[in-house]
Amino acid sequence: MSVTVRVPATIANLGPGFDCLGLAIAWHNRITLEAAGTTTVHVSGPGEDRIPRDASNLVLRSVRAWEAAVGADAGEWAITISNEAPYGRGFGSSAAAIVGGLVAARAILGGGASLLALAGEIEGHLDNVSAALLGGVTISGYATADAFRLPPPDSIAVLACVAPGRLSTSKARAALPAQIPFADAVFNASRAALLAASIATGDPTRLPAATEDRLHQDRRFAIAEDAGALARALRADGIAAFLSGAGPSIAALVAAGDAPSAANAARTHAPDGWEIRIVPFDPSGAVVEKHPTR
């Protein structure tokens, strides 16, 4: 019995919405799960030289989590992972693995456990996994397994500036302060609300202000200096640029008609080795492309 699941890459935080806001983009990873006599993991594409093939593999861990959640006996699985999205650069590769493994396991084993709750438990936060699961733009609850999906607006485009190197999420989180000033918390709450309203109404005019952040980016730019320089240069040009997830890549939300000029500006400012692409939203989230067959 086998199943194939397509999962989109994601961009989290979107500037002010730390651990709460995310969106899905049309870079896709595919995961095939097949019952087998011995558990194996095969990986191709970005990350194939770094993704583990043992029990620590995130897809396999997620399959095991679904088995435990629904009371299924642990099986032996042949797992094939085909990656398209950049790996370890701030586009939700871990979330795609987690969501893909859970959705594939549910498709084969059935059961009524909460995909979102399990994905958030494994990942540790919901912003990436909710976008990978639901598609579009997502607003996730904090410390509660809940997420709201907004359809991607046609009037807004996504610009991805892919860094040539990697930055681990754990290192990026270690750079964050234990406490922040009250005024900065209020500032970020207001900007996150403004950003959600801008996306919900499809109004790109407020995006530069709505993506401002005082919570996490400056601390992370201290360990990703090229990313910080690029983001600041784009914002000086009026482009709503921000760190893509934990970085080190940069993303931006722009009026759809301005996307080509924003991409040209990014190519002008980006250091050597950066890849600049306009990437469509993914509206669907995780999709079972090949349903279980015996």
C-alpha atoms as a PDB file:
ATOM      1  CA  MET A   1       0.000   0.000   0.000  1.00  0.00           C
ATOM      2  CA  SER A   2       1.421   3.401  -0.927  1.00  0.00           C
ATOM      3  CA  VAL A   3       0.468   7.059  -1.022  1.00  0.00           C
ATOM      4  CA  THR A   4       2.108  10.238  -2.369  1.00  0.00           C
ATOM      5  CA  VAL A   5       1.576  13.644  -0.752  1.00  0.00           C
ATOM      6  CA  ARG A   6       2.533  17.051  -2.164  1.00  0.00           C
ATOM      7  CA  VAL A   7       3.382  19.719   0.417  1.00  0.00           C
ATOM      8  CA  PRO A   8       4.184  23.405  -0.238  1.00  0.00           C
ATOM      9  CA  ALA A   9       7.086  25.406   1.094  1.00  0.00           C
ATOM     10  CA  THR A  10       6.119  28.127   3.535  1.00  0.00           C
ATOM     11  CA  ILE A  11       7.190  31.543   4.777  1.00  0.00           C
ATOM     12  CA  ALA A  12       6.612  32.236   8.458  1.00  0.00           C
ATOM     13  CA  ASN A  13       6.358  35.363  10.631  1.00  0.00           C
ATOM     14  CA  LEU A  14       5.995  37.809   7.682  1.00  0.00           C
ATOM     15  CA  GLY A  15       7.813  40.385   9.776  1.00  0.00           C
ATOM     16  CA  PRO A  16       5.700  41.142  12.867  1.00  0.00           C
ATOM     17  CA  GLY A  17       3.662  37.921  13.162  1.00  0.00           C
ATOM     18  CA  PHE A  18       6.239  35.889  15.085  1.00  0.00           C
ATOM     19  CA  ASP A  19       5.093  32.245  15.405  1.00  0.00           C
ATOM     20  CA  CYS A  20       1.580  33.315  14.290  1.00  0.00           C
ATOM     21  CA  LEU A  21       1.497  34.309  10.603  1.00  0.00           C
ATOM     22  CA  GLY A  22       2.511  32.195   7.630  1.00  0.00           C
ATOM     23  CA  LEU A  23       1.849  31.633   3.961  1.00  0.00           C
ATOM     24  CA  ALA A  24       2.288  28.797   1.496  1.00  0.00           C
ATOM     25  CA  ILE A  25       4.186  29.143  -1.787  1.00  0.00           C
ATOM     26  CA  ALA A  26       4.299  26.977  -4.885  1.00  0.00           C
ATOM     27  CA  TRP A  27       7.592  25.208  -4.260  1.00  0.00           C
ATOM     28  CA  HIS A  28       6.587  21.636  -3.544  1.00  0.00           C
ATOM     29  CA  ASN A  29       8.111  18.653  -1.790  1.00  0.00           C
ATOM     30  CA  ARG A  30       6.660  15.195  -2.429  1.00  0.00           C
ATOM     31  CA  ILE A  31       6.590  12.329   0.035  1.00  0.00           C
ATOM     32  CA  THR A  32       5.735   8.751  -0.884  1.00  0.00           C
ATOM     33  CA  LEU A  33       4.936   6.346   1.934  1.00  0.00           C
ATOM     34  CA  GLU A  34       4.724   2.641   1.147  1.00  0.00           C
ATOM     35  CA  ALA A  35       4.311  -0.410   3.351  1.00  0.00           C
ATOM     36  CA  ALA A  36       7.504  -2.464   3.197  1.00  0.00           C
ATOM     37  CA  GLY A  37       9.379  -5.290   4.868  1.00  0.00           C
ATOM     38  CA  THR A  38      12.090  -2.953   6.212  1.00  0.00           C
ATOM     39  CA  THR A  39      11.976   0.764   6.955  1.00  0.00           C
ATOM     40  CA  THR A  40      14.076   2.808   4.523  1.00  0.00           C
ATOM     41  CA  VAL A  41      14.345   6.492   3.661  1.00  0.00           C
ATOM     42  CA  HIS A  42      15.412   7.801   0.253  1.00  0.00           C
ATOM     43  CA  VAL A  43      15.903  11.544  -0.362  1.00  0.00           C
ATOM     44  CA  SER A  44      16.517  13.500  -3.571  1.00  0.00           C
ATOM     45  CA  GLY A  45      16.726  17.221  -4.274  1.00  0.00           C
ATOM     46  CA  PRO A  46      17.710  20.050  -1.915  1.00  0.00           C
ATOM     47  CA  GLY A  47      18.910  18.709   1.438  1.00  0.00           C
ATOM     48  CA  GLU A  48      19.658  15.212   0.179  1.00  0.00           C
ATOM     49  CA  ASP A  49      23.176  15.469   1.605  1.00  0.00           C
ATOM     50  CA  ARG A  50      21.955  16.516   5.078  1.00  0.00           C
ATOM     51  CA  ILE A  51      18.572  14.918   5.758  1.00  0.00           C
ATOM     52  CA  PRO A  52      18.936  11.873   8.055  1.00  0.00           C
ATOM     53  CA  ARG A  53      17.831   8.433   6.929  1.00  0.00           C
ATOM     54  CA  ASP A  54      17.456   6.941  10.412  1.00  0.00           C
ATOM     55  CA  ALA A  55      14.739   7.145  13.076  1.00  0.00           C
ATOM     56  CA  SER A  56      15.398  10.886  13.522  1.00  0.00           C
ATOM     57  CA  ASN A  57      14.069  11.631  10.015  1.00  0.00           C
ATOM     58  CA  LEU A  58      11.166  14.059  10.405  1.00  0.00           C
ATOM     59  CA  VAL A  59       8.895  12.286   7.941  1.00  0.00           C
ATOM     60  CA  LEU A  60       9.401   8.966   9.727  1.00  0.00           C
ATOM     61  CA  ARG A  61       8.998  10.601  13.147  1.00  0.00           C
ATOM     62  CA  SER A  62       5.709  12.098  11.970  1.00  0.00           C
ATOM     63  CA  VAL A  63       4.467   8.754  10.662  1.00  0.00           C
ATOM     64  CA  ARG A  64       5.317   7.225  14.043  1.00  0.00           C
ATOM     65  CA  ALA A  65       3.494  10.064  15.802  1.00  0.00           C
ATOM     66  CA  TRP A  66       0.351   9.373  13.768  1.00  0.00           C
ATOM     67  CA  GLU A  67       0.600   5.649  14.507  1.00  0.00           C
ATOM     68  CA  ALA A  68       0.792   6.399  18.222  1.00  0.00           C
ATOM     69  CA  ALA A  69      -2.034   8.946  18.093  1.00  0.00           C
ATOM     70  CA  VAL A  70      -4.481   6.564  16.402  1.00  0.00           C
ATOM     71  CA  GLY A  71      -3.353   3.377  18.146  1.00  0.00           C
ATOM     72  CA  ALA A  72      -1.939   1.697  15.041  1.00  0.00           C
ATOM     73  CA  ASP A  73       0.816  -0.882  15.254  1.00  0.00           C
ATOM     74  CA  ALA A  74       4.209   0.435  14.195  1.00  0.00           C
ATOM     75  CA  GLY A  75       4.780  -0.628  10.609  1.00  0.00           C
ATOM     76  CA  GLU A  76       7.765  -0.892   8.320  1.00  0.00           C
ATOM     77  CA  TRP A  77       7.804   1.800   5.651  1.00  0.00           C
ATOM     78  CA  ALA A  78       9.650   2.733   2.480  1.00  0.00           C
ATOM     79  CA  ILE A  79       9.775   6.536   2.480  1.00  0.00           C
ATOM     80  CA  THR A  80      10.747   8.495  -0.628  1.00  0.00           C
ATOM     81  CA  ILE A  81      11.259  12.257  -0.271  1.00  0.00           C
ATOM     82  CA  SER A  82      11.612  14.392  -3.404  1.00  0.00           C
ATOM     83  CA  ASN A  83      12.383  18.014  -2.525  1.00  0.00           C
ATOM     84  CA  GLU A  84      11.940  21.105  -4.664  1.00  0.00           C
ATOM     85  CA  ALA A  85      12.012  23.793  -1.957  1.00  0.00           C
ATOM     86  CA  PRO A  86      15.304  25.225  -0.665  1.00  0.00           C
ATOM     87  CA  TYR A  87      16.499  23.341   2.400  1.00  0.00           C
ATOM     88  CA  GLY A  88      17.499  25.056   5.653  1.00  0.00           C
ATOM     89  CA  ARG A  89      17.083  28.555   4.261  1.00  0.00           C
ATOM     90  CA  GLY A  90      13.860  29.718   5.893  1.00  0.00           C
ATOM     91  CA  PHE A  91      11.159  28.168   3.724  1.00  0.00           C
ATOM     92  CA  GLY A  92       9.651  25.620   6.084  1.00  0.00           C
ATOM     93  CA  SER A  93      11.448  22.431   5.078  1.00  0.00           C
ATOM     94  CA  SER A  94      10.850  20.870   8.491  1.00  0.00           C
ATOM     95  CA  ALA A  95       7.155  21.786   8.397  1.00  0.00           C
ATOM     96  CA  ALA A  96       6.781  20.215   4.952  1.00  0.00           C
ATOM     97  CA  ALA A  97       8.361  16.998   6.217  1.00  0.00           C
ATOM     98  CA  ILE A  98       6.138  16.902   9.296  1.00  0.00           C
ATOM     99  CA  VAL A  99       2.896  17.688   7.495  1.00  0.00           C
ATOM    100  CA  GLY A 100       3.746  15.354   4.627  1.00  0.00           C
ATOM    101  CA  GLY A 101       4.461  12.470   6.968  1.00  0.00           C
ATOM    102  CA  LEU A 102       1.279  12.997   8.978  1.00  0.00           C
ATOM    103  CA  VAL A 103      -0.993  13.388   5.943  1.00  0.00           C
ATOM    104  CA  ALA A 104       0.524  10.316   4.282  1.00  0.00           C
ATOM    105  CA  ALA A 105       0.131   8.238   7.431  1.00  0.00           C
ATOM    106  CA  ARG A 106      -3.490   9.325   7.848  1.00  0.00           C
ATOM    107  CA  ALA A 107      -4.233   8.456   4.222  1.00  0.00           C
ATOM    108  CA  ILE A 108      -3.037   4.880   4.772  1.00  0.00           C
ATOM    109  CA  LEU A 109      -3.939   4.229   8.404  1.00  0.00           C
ATOM    110  CA  GLY A 110      -7.030   6.421   8.869  1.00  0.00           C
ATOM    111  CA  GLY A 111      -7.916   7.771  12.287  1.00  0.00           C
ATOM    112  CA  GLY A 112      -9.355  10.979  13.636  1.00  0.00           C
ATOM    113  CA  ALA A 113      -6.452  12.652  15.427  1.00  0.00           C
ATOM    114  CA  SER A 114      -5.852  16.363  14.764  1.00  0.00           C
ATOM    115  CA  LEU A 115      -3.268  16.887  12.040  1.00  0.00           C
ATOM    116  CA  LEU A 116      -2.689  20.494  13.120  1.00  0.00           C
ATOM    117  CA  ALA A 117      -2.256  19.651  16.795  1.00  0.00           C
ATOM    118  CA  LEU A 118       0.204  16.836  16.088  1.00  0.00           C
ATOM    119  CA  ALA A 119       2.151  18.920  13.573  1.00  0.00           C
ATOM    120  CA  GLY A 120       2.423  21.794  16.039  1.00  0.00           C
ATOM    121  CA  GLU A 121       3.553  19.444  18.792  1.00  0.00           C
ATOM    122  CA  ILE A 122       6.348  18.047  16.632  1.00  0.00           C
ATOM    123  CA  GLU A 123       7.421  21.414  15.162  1.00  0.00           C
ATOM    124  CA  GLY A 124       7.013  23.410  18.374  1.00  0.00           C
ATOM    125  CA  HIS A 125       4.980  26.212  16.775  1.00  0.00           C
ATOM    126  CA  LEU A 126       2.151  26.476  14.272  1.00  0.00           C
ATOM    127  CA  ASP A 127       3.024  29.186  11.751  1.00  0.00           C
ATOM    128  CA  ASN A 128       4.783  27.011   9.158  1.00  0.00           C
ATOM    129  CA  VAL A 129       2.830  23.801   9.695  1.00  0.00           C
ATOM    130  CA  SER A 130      -0.573  25.514   9.455  1.00  0.00           C
ATOM    131  CA  ALA A 131       0.393  27.109   6.133  1.00  0.00           C
ATOM    132  CA  ALA A 132       1.816  23.827   4.826  1.00  0.00           C
ATOM    133  CA  LEU A 133      -1.354  22.002   5.825  1.00  0.00           C
ATOM    134  CA  LEU A 134      -3.996  24.565   4.791  1.00  0.00           C
ATOM    135  CA  GLY A 135      -2.340  26.651   2.057  1.00  0.00           C
ATOM    136  CA  GLY A 136      -2.970  30.331   1.424  1.00  0.00           C
ATOM    137  CA  VAL A 137      -2.190  32.697   4.306  1.00  0.00           C
ATOM    138  CA  THR A 138      -2.696  31.433   7.845  1.00  0.00           C
ATOM    139  CA  ILE A 139      -3.156  33.049  11.241  1.00  0.00           C
ATOM    140  CA  SER A 140      -2.353  30.570  14.009  1.00  0.00           C
ATOM    141  CA  GLY A 141      -3.191  30.536  17.669  1.00  0.00           C
ATOM    142  CA  TYR A 142      -0.399  30.565  20.214  1.00  0.00           C
ATOM    143  CA  ALA A 143      -0.396  27.684  22.723  1.00  0.00           C
ATOM    144  CA  THR A 144      -3.583  26.362  21.128  1.00  0.00           C
ATOM    145  CA  ALA A 145      -4.022  24.136  18.075  1.00  0.00           C
ATOM    146  CA  ASP A 146      -6.103  26.517  15.993  1.00  0.00           C
ATOM    147  CA  ALA A 147      -5.524  28.265  12.684  1.00  0.00           C
ATOM    148  CA  PHE A 148      -7.512  30.503  10.358  1.00  0.00           C
ATOM    149  CA  ARG A 149      -6.902  30.456   6.606  1.00  0.00           C
ATOM    150  CA  LEU A 150      -7.144  33.488   4.338  1.00  0.00           C
ATOM    151  CA  PRO A 151      -7.314  32.929   0.568  1.00  0.00           C
ATOM    152  CA  PRO A 152      -4.254  34.354  -1.196  1.00  0.00           C
ATOM    153  CA  PRO A 153      -5.089  37.734  -2.769  1.00  0.00           C
ATOM    154  CA  ASP A 154      -4.508  38.169  -6.499  1.00  0.00           C
ATOM    155  CA  SER A 155      -3.398  41.751  -5.883  1.00  0.00           C
ATOM    156  CA  ILE A 156      -0.351  40.747  -3.789  1.00  0.00           C
ATOM    157  CA  ALA A 157       2.711  38.819  -4.953  1.00  0.00           C
ATOM    158  CA  VAL A 158       5.498  37.039  -3.076  1.00  0.00           C
ATOM    159  CA  LEU A 159       9.165  37.745  -3.739  1.00  0.00           C
ATOM    160  CA  ALA A 160      11.657  35.150  -2.472  1.00  0.00           C
ATOM    161  CA  CYS A 161      15.332  36.058  -2.052  1.00  0.00           C
ATOM    162  CA  VAL A 162      17.065  32.750  -1.352  1.00  0.00           C
ATOM    163  CA  ALA A 163      20.317  32.927   0.596  1.00  0.00           C
ATOM    164  CA  PRO A 164      23.161  30.675  -0.589  1.00  0.00           C
ATOM    165  CA  GLY A 165      23.891  29.387   2.928  1.00  0.00           C
ATOM    166  CA  ARG A 166      21.881  27.820   5.725  1.00  0.00           C
ATOM    167  CA  LEU A 167      20.974  28.996   9.226  1.00  0.00           C
ATOM    168  CA  SER A 168      19.590  26.556  11.763  1.00  0.00           C
ATOM    169  CA  THR A 169      16.292  27.452  13.402  1.00  0.00           C
ATOM    170  CA  SER A 170      17.744  26.597  16.810  1.00  0.00           C
ATOM    171  CA  LYS A 171      20.593  29.075  16.317  1.00  0.00           C
ATOM    172  CA  ALA A 172      18.167  31.750  15.113  1.00  0.00           C
ATOM    173  CA  ARG A 173      15.924  31.177  18.143  1.00  0.00           C
ATOM    174  CA  ALA A 174      18.909  31.291  20.496  1.00  0.00           C
ATOM    175  CA  ALA A 175      19.532  34.862  19.331  1.00  0.00           C
ATOM    176  CA  LEU A 176      16.173  36.041  20.671  1.00  0.00           C
ATOM    177  CA  PRO A 177      15.897  37.928  23.984  1.00  0.00           C
ATOM    178  CA  ALA A 178      14.075  36.479  26.991  1.00  0.00           C
ATOM    179  CA  GLN A 179      12.077  39.698  27.419  1.00  0.00           C
ATOM    180  CA  ILE A 180      11.068  42.635  25.229  1.00  0.00           C
ATOM    181  CA  PRO A 181       9.826  46.152  26.096  1.00  0.00           C
ATOM    182  CA  PHE A 182       6.070  46.532  26.469  1.00  0.00           C
ATOM    183  CA  ALA A 183       6.002  49.207  23.748  1.00  0.00           C
ATOM    184  CA  ASP A 184       7.650  46.830  21.285  1.00  0.00           C
ATOM    185  CA  ALA A 185       5.054  44.148  22.036  1.00  0.00           C
ATOM    186  CA  VAL A 186       2.234  46.612  21.366  1.00  0.00           C
ATOM    187  CA  PHE A 187       3.985  47.795  18.191  1.00  0.00           C
ATOM    188  CA  ASN A 188       4.219  44.251  16.820  1.00  0.00           C
ATOM    189  CA  ALA A 189       0.642  43.397  17.747  1.00  0.00           C
ATOM    190  CA  SER A 190      -0.578  46.465  15.849  1.00  0.00           C
ATOM    191  CA  ARG A 191       1.545  45.666  12.796  1.00  0.00           C
ATOM    192  CA  ALA A 192       0.480  42.004  12.714  1.00  0.00           C
ATOM    193  CA  ALA A 193      -3.171  43.035  12.849  1.00  0.00           C
ATOM    194  CA  LEU A 194      -2.633  45.581  10.084  1.00  0.00           C
ATOM    195  CA  LEU A 195      -0.879  42.959   7.954  1.00  0.00           C
ATOM    196  CA  ALA A 196      -3.709  40.449   8.385  1.00  0.00           C
ATOM    197  CA  ALA A 197      -6.217  43.133   7.378  1.00  0.00           C
ATOM    198  CA  SER A 198      -4.127  44.133   4.353  1.00  0.00           C
ATOM    199  CA  ILE A 199      -4.006  40.531   3.132  1.00  0.00           C
ATOM    200  CA  ALA A 200      -7.681  39.861   3.885  1.00  0.00           C
ATOM    201  CA  THR A 201      -8.746  42.928   1.880  1.00  0.00           C
ATOM    202  CA  GLY A 202      -6.111  42.511  -0.818  1.00  0.00           C
ATOM    203  CA  ASP A 203      -4.834  46.045  -0.186  1.00  0.00           C
ATOM    204  CA  PRO A 204      -1.072  46.233  -0.813  1.00  0.00           C
ATOM    205  CA  THR A 205      -0.680  49.940  -0.015  1.00  0.00           C
ATOM    206  CA  ARG A 206      -0.007  49.400   3.700  1.00  0.00           C
ATOM    207  CA  LEU A 207       2.374  46.457   3.335  1.00  0.00           C
ATOM    208  CA  PRO A 208       5.611  48.364   4.085  1.00  0.00           C
ATOM    209  CA  ALA A 209       4.218  49.637   7.400  1.00  0.00           C
ATOM    210  CA  ALA A 210       2.363  46.400   8.148  1.00  0.00           C
ATOM    211  CA  THR A 211       5.538  44.270   7.913  1.00  0.00           C
ATOM    212  CA  GLU A 212       7.583  46.339  10.372  1.00  0.00           C
ATOM    213  CA  ASP A 213       8.958  44.384  13.323  1.00  0.00           C
ATOM    214  CA  ARG A 214      10.620  45.146  16.661  1.00  0.00           C
ATOM    215  CA  LEU A 215      10.504  41.658  18.132  1.00  0.00           C
ATOM    216  CA  HIS A 216      12.967  39.312  16.464  1.00  0.00           C
ATOM    217  CA  GLN A 217      14.517  40.423  13.183  1.00  0.00           C
ATOM    218  CA  ASP A 218      17.263  42.787  14.369  1.00  0.00           C
ATOM    219  CA  ARG A 219      18.598  40.091  16.704  1.00  0.00           C
ATOM    220  CA  ARG A 220      18.658  37.583  13.872  1.00  0.00           C
ATOM    221  CA  PHE A 221      20.204  40.021  11.424  1.00  0.00           C
ATOM    222  CA  ALA A 222      23.132  40.237  13.825  1.00  0.00           C
ATOM    223  CA  ILE A 223      23.987  36.627  12.903  1.00  0.00           C
ATOM    224  CA  ALA A 224      22.808  36.906   9.279  1.00  0.00           C
ATOM    225  CA  GLU A 225      24.375  40.192   8.216  1.00  0.00           C
ATOM    226  CA  ASP A 226      23.846  39.830   4.463  1.00  0.00           C
ATOM    227  CA  ALA A 227      20.154  39.177   5.065  1.00  0.00           C
ATOM    228  CA  GLY A 228      19.871  42.270   7.228  1.00  0.00           C
ATOM    229  CA  ALA A 229      21.630  44.450   4.657  1.00  0.00           C
ATOM    230  CA  LEU A 230      19.360  43.191   1.867  1.00  0.00           C
ATOM    231  CA  ALA A 231      16.171  43.654   3.889  1.00  0.00           C
ATOM    232  CA  ARG A 232      17.134  47.187   4.885  1.00  0.00           C
ATOM    233  CA  ALA A 233      18.040  48.116   1.305  1.00  0.00           C
ATOM    234  CA  LEU A 234      14.725  46.828  -0.021  1.00  0.00           C
ATOM    235  CA  ARG A 235      12.745  48.564   2.697  1.00  0.00           C
ATOM    236  CA  ALA A 236      14.560  51.809   1.896  1.00  0.00           C
ATOM    237  CA  ASP A 237      13.167  51.366  -1.623  1.00  0.00           C
ATOM    238  CA  GLY A 238       9.632  51.059  -0.195  1.00  0.00           C
ATOM    239  CA  ILE A 239       9.490  47.264  -0.575  1.00  0.00           C
ATOM    240  CA  ALA A 240       7.895  45.288   2.274  1.00  0.00           C
ATOM    241  CA  ALA A 241      10.830  42.947   2.892  1.00  0.00           C
ATOM    242  CA  PHE A 242      11.346  40.730   5.947  1.00  0.00           C
ATOM    243  CA  LEU A 243      13.229  37.679   7.127  1.00  0.00           C
ATOM    244  CA  SER A 244      11.752  34.486   5.686  1.00  0.00           C
ATOM    245  CA  GLY A 245      10.990  32.413   8.759  1.00  0.00           C
ATOM    246  CA  ALA A 246      14.138  32.105  10.853  1.00  0.00           C
ATOM    247  CA  GLY A 247      16.253  33.052   7.832  1.00  0.00           C
ATOM    248  CA  PRO A 248      18.723  33.554   6.403  1.00  0.00           C
ATOM    249  CA  SER A 249      16.621  34.189   3.275  1.00  0.00           C
ATOM    250  CA  ILE A 250      14.531  37.307   2.725  1.00  0.00           C
ATOM    251  CA  ALA A 251      10.975  37.516   1.381  1.00  0.00           C
ATOM    252  CA  ALA A 252       8.726  40.417   0.462  1.00  0.00           C
ATOM    253  CA  LEU A 253       5.049  41.056  -0.161  1.00  0.00           C
ATOM    254  CA  VAL A 254       4.433  43.508  -2.975  1.00  0.00           C
ATOM    255  CA  ALA A 255       1.623  44.720  -5.200  1.00  0.00           C
ATOM    256  CA  ALA A 256       1.310  42.162  -7.980  1.00  0.00           C
ATOM    257  CA  GLY A 257       2.005  44.746 -10.663  1.00  0.00           C
ATOM    258  CA  ASP A 258       5.172  45.869  -8.869  1.00  0.00           C
ATOM    259  CA  ALA A 259       6.663  42.368  -8.550  1.00  0.00           C
ATOM    260  CA  PRO A 260       9.021  42.580 -11.574  1.00  0.00           C
ATOM    261  CA  SER A 261      10.501  45.897 -10.453  1.00  0.00           C
ATOM    262  CA  ALA A 262      10.855  44.614  -6.875  1.00  0.00           C
ATOM    263  CA  ALA A 263      12.691  41.553  -8.192  1.00  0.00           C
ATOM    264  CA  ASN A 264      15.045  43.788 -10.180  1.00  0.00           C
ATOM    265  CA  ALA A 265      15.711  45.877  -7.068  1.00  0.00           C
ATOM    266  CA  ALA A 266      16.491  42.710  -5.109  1.00  0.00           C
ATOM    267  CA  ARG A 267      18.924  41.552  -7.797  1.00  0.00           C
ATOM    268  CA  THR A 268      20.651  44.932  -7.600  1.00  0.00           C
ATOM    269  CA  HIS A 269      21.023  44.833  -3.819  1.00  0.00           C
ATOM    270  CA  ALA A 270      21.598  41.111  -3.221  1.00  0.00           C
ATOM    271  CA  PRO A 271      25.108  39.788  -2.592  1.00  0.00           C
ATOM    272  CA  ASP A 272      26.588  37.254  -5.000  1.00  0.00           C
ATOM    273  CA  GLY A 273      25.031  33.820  -4.817  1.00  0.00           C
ATOM    274  CA  TRP A 274      21.510  34.879  -3.857  1.00  0.00           C
ATOM    275  CA  GLU A 275      18.620  33.638  -6.000  1.00  0.00           C
ATOM    276  CA  ILE A 276      15.740  36.068  -6.626  1.00  0.00           C
ATOM    277  CA  ARG A 277      12.367  34.660  -7.684  1.00  0.00           C
ATOM    278  CA  ILE A 278       8.734  35.724  -7.833  1.00  0.00           C
ATOM    279  CA  VAL A 279       6.886  32.726  -6.390  1.00  0.00           C
ATOM    280  CA  PRO A 280       3.122  32.135  -6.631  1.00  0.00           C
ATOM    281  CA  PHE A 281       1.065  31.480  -3.536  1.00  0.00           C
ATOM    282  CA  ASP A 282       0.013  27.886  -2.992  1.00  0.00           C
ATOM    283  CA  PRO A 283      -3.741  27.966  -2.285  1.00  0.00           C
ATOM    284  CA  SER A 284      -4.250  24.297  -1.450  1.00  0.00           C
ATOM    285  CA  GLY A 285      -1.737  23.190   1.169  1.00  0.00           C
ATOM    286  CA  ALA A 286      -0.953  19.502   1.556  1.00  0.00           C
ATOM    287  CA  VAL A 287      -2.598  17.400  -1.153  1.00  0.00           C
ATOM    288  CA  VAL A 288      -2.782  13.629  -1.577  1.00  0.00           C
ATOM    289  CA  GLU A 289      -1.663  13.251  -5.189  1.00  0.00           C
ATOM    290  CA  LYS A 290      -1.668   9.462  -5.269  1.00  0.00           C
ATOM    291  CA  HIS A 291      -4.231   7.816  -3.052  1.00  0.00           C
ATOM    292  CA  PRO A 292      -3.520   4.570  -1.232  1.00  0.00           C
ATOM    293  CA  THR A 293      -3.229   1.538  -3.462  1.00  0.00           C
ATOM    294  CA  ARG A 294      -2.782  -2.057  -2.446  1.00  0.00           C
END
